[in-house]
Amino acid sequence: MAMAVSLNWIPPTFTKKANYGAHSTEPARPCAFSLQNSVTCPYEESNCNRKRRVLLLGVGAITATLLPGPATSLLAQEIPQNYRAFVDIPDGYSYYYPSDWREFDFRGHDSAFKDRFLQLQNVRVRFIPTDKKDIHDLGPIDEVVYNLVNHVYAAPNQMVNILDMQERTSDGKNYYTFEYELTSPNYASASFATIAIGNGRYYTLVVGALERRWRRVRNKLKVVADSFKVLDI
């Protein structure tokens, strides 16, 4: 079930409520605004009773006064053609994903989208609590990436090939993005991962595809990995 409301009468304080129950006293959470002059609060019920999601559709910019502060800088710029922006203001992050992908449940992750026909071609985001303040607190990028790919992302029967790693800074926050391949007896995959720390959370975005399609989709998926941002909450 989705709700779209014209901005002609929606005040800037329009909010949505998470699933805390009918009698909860939890404060309402902010809903983001569509770039097509509508407020979109799609809600999909599932066994895990996940919270409402925010999909910002279209290309262009919206007046900053209509937006909660954390999303203003993101939406002041144009979304790349053939992408949409996903902004989760309550959880403090955003990213772009291909416009023809659809949302789905990925176990243990906070949000996920996949290709309509190739389910192993997808993006997913998760976060865990941390007392670290910055990604540099984890260590140098080469050590962090090696440990993550070899000891967290790879299964015991998979061979690892780290192809590239990059560091960037955006709005005062630091990010590690790296490219890697995992090969098992039955199939091989390739992925980008972006990690960052903020809001007392350690965020991880992974976007990938089967290795045989990687050359065709690599640049498309790199846009997703590079678009990940942590928003102050």
Protein backbone atom coordinates (compact mmCIF):
# COMPACT_ATOMS: atom_id res chain seq x y z
CA MET A 1 0.00 0.00 0.00
CA ALA A 2 1.41 3.39 -0.94
CA MET A 3 0.35 6.94 -0.29
CA ALA A 4 1.13 9.88 -2.54
CA VAL A 5 -0.02 13.35 -1.53
CA SER A 6 0.32 16.58 -3.46
CA LEU A 7 2.66 19.17 -2.00
CA ASN A 8 0.01 21.80 -2.68
CA TRP A 9 -1.28 21.37 0.85
CA ILE A 10 1.22 19.21 2.74
CA PRO A 11 3.12 21.24 5.36
CA PRO A 12 6.88 20.89 5.80
CA THR A 13 6.31 19.03 9.06
CA PHE A 14 4.51 16.10 7.39
CA THR A 15 5.57 12.97 9.22
CA LYS A 16 5.14 9.22 9.13
CA LYS A 17 4.91 6.85 12.06
CA ALA A 18 6.92 3.69 12.36
CA ASN A 19 5.34 0.38 13.38
CA TYR A 20 5.41 0.61 17.14
CA GLY A 21 1.78 -0.39 17.62
CA ALA A 22 -1.47 1.49 17.75
CA HIS A 23 -0.98 2.79 21.30
CA SER A 24 2.71 3.62 21.09
CA THR A 25 3.95 6.94 22.38
CA GLU A 26 6.98 6.80 20.07
CA PRO A 27 7.26 10.16 18.23
CA ALA A 28 6.37 10.33 14.56
CA ARG A 29 9.25 9.99 12.14
CA PRO A 30 9.85 12.33 9.20
CA CYS A 31 8.78 11.32 5.73
CA ALA A 32 10.86 12.43 2.76
CA PHE A 33 9.58 14.24 -0.26
CA SER A 34 9.43 13.07 -3.85
CA LEU A 35 11.33 15.01 -6.46
CA GLN A 36 8.15 15.01 -8.53
CA ASN A 37 6.29 17.28 -6.12
CA SER A 38 4.57 14.54 -4.17
CA VAL A 39 5.09 12.91 -0.82
CA THR A 40 5.56 9.18 -1.20
CA CYS A 41 5.42 6.82 1.78
CA PRO A 42 5.29 3.29 0.38
CA TYR A 43 4.63 0.68 3.02
CA GLU A 44 4.96 -3.05 2.46
CA GLU A 45 3.85 -5.42 5.22
CA SER A 46 5.95 -8.53 5.83
CA ASN A 47 6.59 -11.16 8.51
CA CYS A 48 9.36 -9.06 10.01
CA ASN A 49 6.95 -6.08 10.20
CA ARG A 50 9.57 -3.72 8.83
CA LYS A 51 9.18 0.01 9.03
CA ARG A 52 7.88 2.24 6.29
CA ARG A 53 10.31 2.98 3.52
CA VAL A 54 10.95 6.23 1.67
CA LEU A 55 11.38 6.21 -2.08
CA LEU A 56 12.25 9.46 -3.77
CA LEU A 57 11.38 9.25 -7.44
CA GLY A 58 12.33 11.33 -10.47
CA VAL A 59 15.09 13.65 -11.52
CA GLY A 60 15.65 17.23 -10.40
CA ALA A 61 15.75 19.24 -7.17
CA ILE A 62 13.23 20.37 -4.57
CA THR A 63 13.06 23.46 -2.42
CA ALA A 64 15.27 22.91 0.63
CA THR A 65 12.72 24.46 2.99
CA LEU A 66 10.37 21.51 2.41
CA LEU A 67 12.92 18.94 3.54
CA PRO A 68 14.28 17.78 6.87
CA GLY A 69 17.84 19.03 7.32
CA PRO A 70 19.76 15.74 6.73
CA ALA A 71 18.26 15.26 3.27
CA THR A 72 18.63 18.81 2.01
CA SER A 73 22.17 18.55 0.62
CA LEU A 74 21.43 15.25 -1.13
CA LEU A 75 18.30 16.45 -2.86
CA ALA A 76 19.77 19.79 -3.86
CA GLN A 77 21.55 17.93 -6.64
CA GLU A 78 20.17 16.03 -9.60
CA ILE A 79 19.78 12.28 -9.47
CA PRO A 80 21.60 10.56 -12.36
CA GLN A 81 19.42 9.50 -15.26
CA ASN A 82 17.89 6.02 -14.88
CA TYR A 83 18.41 6.01 -11.10
CA ARG A 84 16.22 6.72 -8.11
CA ALA A 85 17.22 7.91 -4.65
CA PHE A 86 16.46 5.96 -1.50
CA VAL A 87 16.60 8.13 1.62
CA ASP A 88 16.06 6.68 5.08
CA ILE A 89 16.00 9.74 7.30
CA PRO A 90 15.23 7.92 10.59
CA ASP A 91 18.20 5.58 10.11
CA GLY A 92 20.50 8.22 8.63
CA TYR A 93 21.59 7.09 5.16
CA SER A 94 20.85 7.40 1.45
CA TYR A 95 21.92 5.98 -1.90
CA TYR A 96 20.94 5.74 -5.55
CA TYR A 97 19.71 2.54 -7.20
CA PRO A 98 18.72 1.69 -10.80
CA SER A 99 15.20 2.91 -11.50
CA ASP A 100 13.98 -0.45 -12.83
CA TRP A 101 14.95 -2.36 -9.65
CA ARG A 102 12.39 -3.28 -7.01
CA GLU A 103 12.50 -3.38 -3.23
CA PHE A 104 12.73 -6.74 -1.46
CA ASP A 105 13.49 -8.28 1.92
CA PHE A 106 17.12 -9.31 2.38
CA ARG A 107 17.62 -11.11 5.67
CA GLY A 108 19.51 -9.11 8.25
CA HIS A 109 19.55 -5.93 6.15
CA ASP A 110 17.77 -2.62 6.61
CA SER A 111 16.98 -2.01 2.92
CA ALA A 112 17.53 -3.82 -0.38
CA PHE A 113 16.68 -3.54 -4.08
CA LYS A 114 17.18 -6.07 -6.87
CA ASP A 115 16.97 -6.37 -10.64
CA ARG A 116 13.52 -7.48 -11.72
CA PHE A 117 14.86 -10.49 -13.62
CA LEU A 118 18.31 -11.17 -12.16
CA GLN A 119 17.86 -11.56 -8.43
CA LEU A 120 21.58 -11.93 -7.71
CA GLN A 121 22.07 -8.43 -9.13
CA ASN A 122 21.14 -6.32 -6.12
CA VAL A 123 22.07 -3.73 -3.53
CA ARG A 124 21.59 -4.04 0.21
CA VAL A 125 22.40 -1.94 3.28
CA ARG A 126 22.84 -2.92 6.90
CA PHE A 127 24.26 -1.28 10.01
CA ILE A 128 25.36 -2.29 13.49
CA PRO A 129 26.10 -0.24 16.62
CA THR A 130 29.67 0.92 17.15
CA ASP A 131 31.62 3.10 19.53
CA LYS A 132 33.92 4.18 16.69
CA LYS A 133 33.59 7.75 15.45
CA ASP A 134 35.10 7.45 11.96
CA ILE A 135 35.99 4.77 9.45
CA HIS A 136 39.68 5.55 10.02
CA ASP A 137 39.26 4.23 13.56
CA LEU A 138 39.02 0.74 12.04
CA GLY A 139 42.48 1.01 10.53
CA PRO A 140 44.14 1.65 7.15
CA ILE A 141 41.97 0.91 4.14
CA ASP A 142 44.07 -2.02 2.89
CA GLU A 143 43.96 -3.82 6.24
CA VAL A 144 40.25 -3.17 6.75
CA VAL A 145 39.30 -4.33 3.27
CA TYR A 146 41.46 -7.45 3.42
CA ASN A 147 39.94 -8.53 6.73
CA LEU A 148 36.37 -7.81 5.66
CA VAL A 149 36.50 -9.60 2.34
CA ASN A 150 38.47 -12.61 3.54
CA HIS A 151 36.92 -13.11 6.96
CA VAL A 152 33.42 -11.64 6.72
CA TYR A 153 32.16 -11.59 3.12
CA ALA A 154 33.77 -14.78 1.81
CA ALA A 155 32.54 -18.27 2.69
CA PRO A 156 35.16 -20.89 3.61
CA ASN A 157 34.95 -22.50 0.17
CA GLN A 158 35.33 -19.25 -1.80
CA MET A 159 38.42 -17.77 -3.37
CA VAL A 160 38.89 -14.03 -2.92
CA ASN A 161 40.22 -11.49 -5.39
CA ILE A 162 40.31 -7.83 -4.27
CA LEU A 163 40.34 -5.72 -7.42
CA ASP A 164 40.38 -2.13 -6.19
CA MET A 165 39.91 0.07 -3.14
CA GLN A 166 39.24 3.78 -2.85
CA GLU A 167 38.74 6.32 -0.08
CA ARG A 168 36.60 9.44 -0.34
CA THR A 169 35.35 12.23 1.88
CA SER A 170 31.93 13.82 1.51
CA ASP A 171 30.37 16.43 3.81
CA GLY A 172 33.05 15.77 6.40
CA LYS A 173 32.47 11.99 6.48
CA ASN A 174 34.93 9.36 5.27
CA TYR A 175 34.09 6.29 3.19
CA TYR A 176 35.93 3.19 2.02
CA THR A 177 34.72 1.69 -1.28
CA PHE A 178 36.24 -1.50 -2.67
CA GLU A 179 35.69 -3.97 -5.49
CA TYR A 180 36.13 -7.70 -5.07
CA GLU A 181 35.34 -11.11 -6.57
CA LEU A 182 34.27 -14.27 -4.77
CA THR A 183 34.63 -17.58 -6.61
CA SER A 184 33.15 -20.87 -5.44
CA PRO A 185 32.87 -24.27 -7.17
CA ASN A 186 29.37 -23.46 -8.47
CA TYR A 187 29.48 -19.78 -9.37
CA ALA A 188 31.41 -16.53 -9.11
CA SER A 189 30.21 -13.07 -8.11
CA ALA A 190 31.66 -9.58 -8.14
CA SER A 191 30.69 -6.68 -5.91
CA PHE A 192 31.37 -3.18 -4.69
CA ALA A 193 31.11 -2.44 -0.99
CA THR A 194 31.05 0.94 0.71
CA ILE A 195 31.51 1.25 4.46
CA ALA A 196 31.18 4.29 6.71
CA ILE A 197 30.66 5.24 10.35
CA GLY A 198 28.30 7.85 11.76
CA ASN A 199 25.43 8.24 14.20
CA GLY A 200 26.99 5.57 16.42
CA ARG A 201 26.53 3.06 13.59
CA TYR A 202 28.78 1.11 11.25
CA TYR A 203 27.07 1.15 7.82
CA THR A 204 27.72 -1.28 4.99
CA LEU A 205 26.37 -1.09 1.43
CA VAL A 206 27.05 -3.97 -0.96
CA VAL A 207 26.01 -3.97 -4.61
CA GLY A 208 26.91 -6.88 -6.88
CA ALA A 209 26.15 -9.26 -9.72
CA LEU A 210 27.29 -12.56 -11.16
CA GLU A 211 30.86 -12.36 -12.38
CA ARG A 212 29.91 -13.25 -15.97
CA ARG A 213 27.84 -10.05 -16.15
CA TRP A 214 30.27 -7.83 -14.26
CA ARG A 215 31.94 -6.24 -17.26
CA ARG A 216 28.53 -5.24 -18.60
CA VAL A 217 27.12 -3.76 -15.38
CA ARG A 218 30.21 -2.66 -13.46
CA ASN A 219 29.98 1.05 -14.20
CA LYS A 220 26.25 1.07 -13.51
CA LEU A 221 26.75 -0.48 -10.09
CA LYS A 222 29.72 1.75 -9.27
CA VAL A 223 27.30 4.70 -9.32
CA VAL A 224 25.33 2.99 -6.56
CA ALA A 225 28.42 2.31 -4.43
CA ASP A 226 29.73 5.86 -4.81
CA SER A 227 26.35 7.42 -4.00
CA PHE A 228 26.10 6.05 -0.47
CA LYS A 229 25.95 8.80 2.15
CA VAL A 230 25.51 8.90 5.91
CA LEU A 231 23.05 11.56 7.06
CA ASP A 232 23.23 13.20 10.48
CA ILE A 233 20.34 12.15 12.71
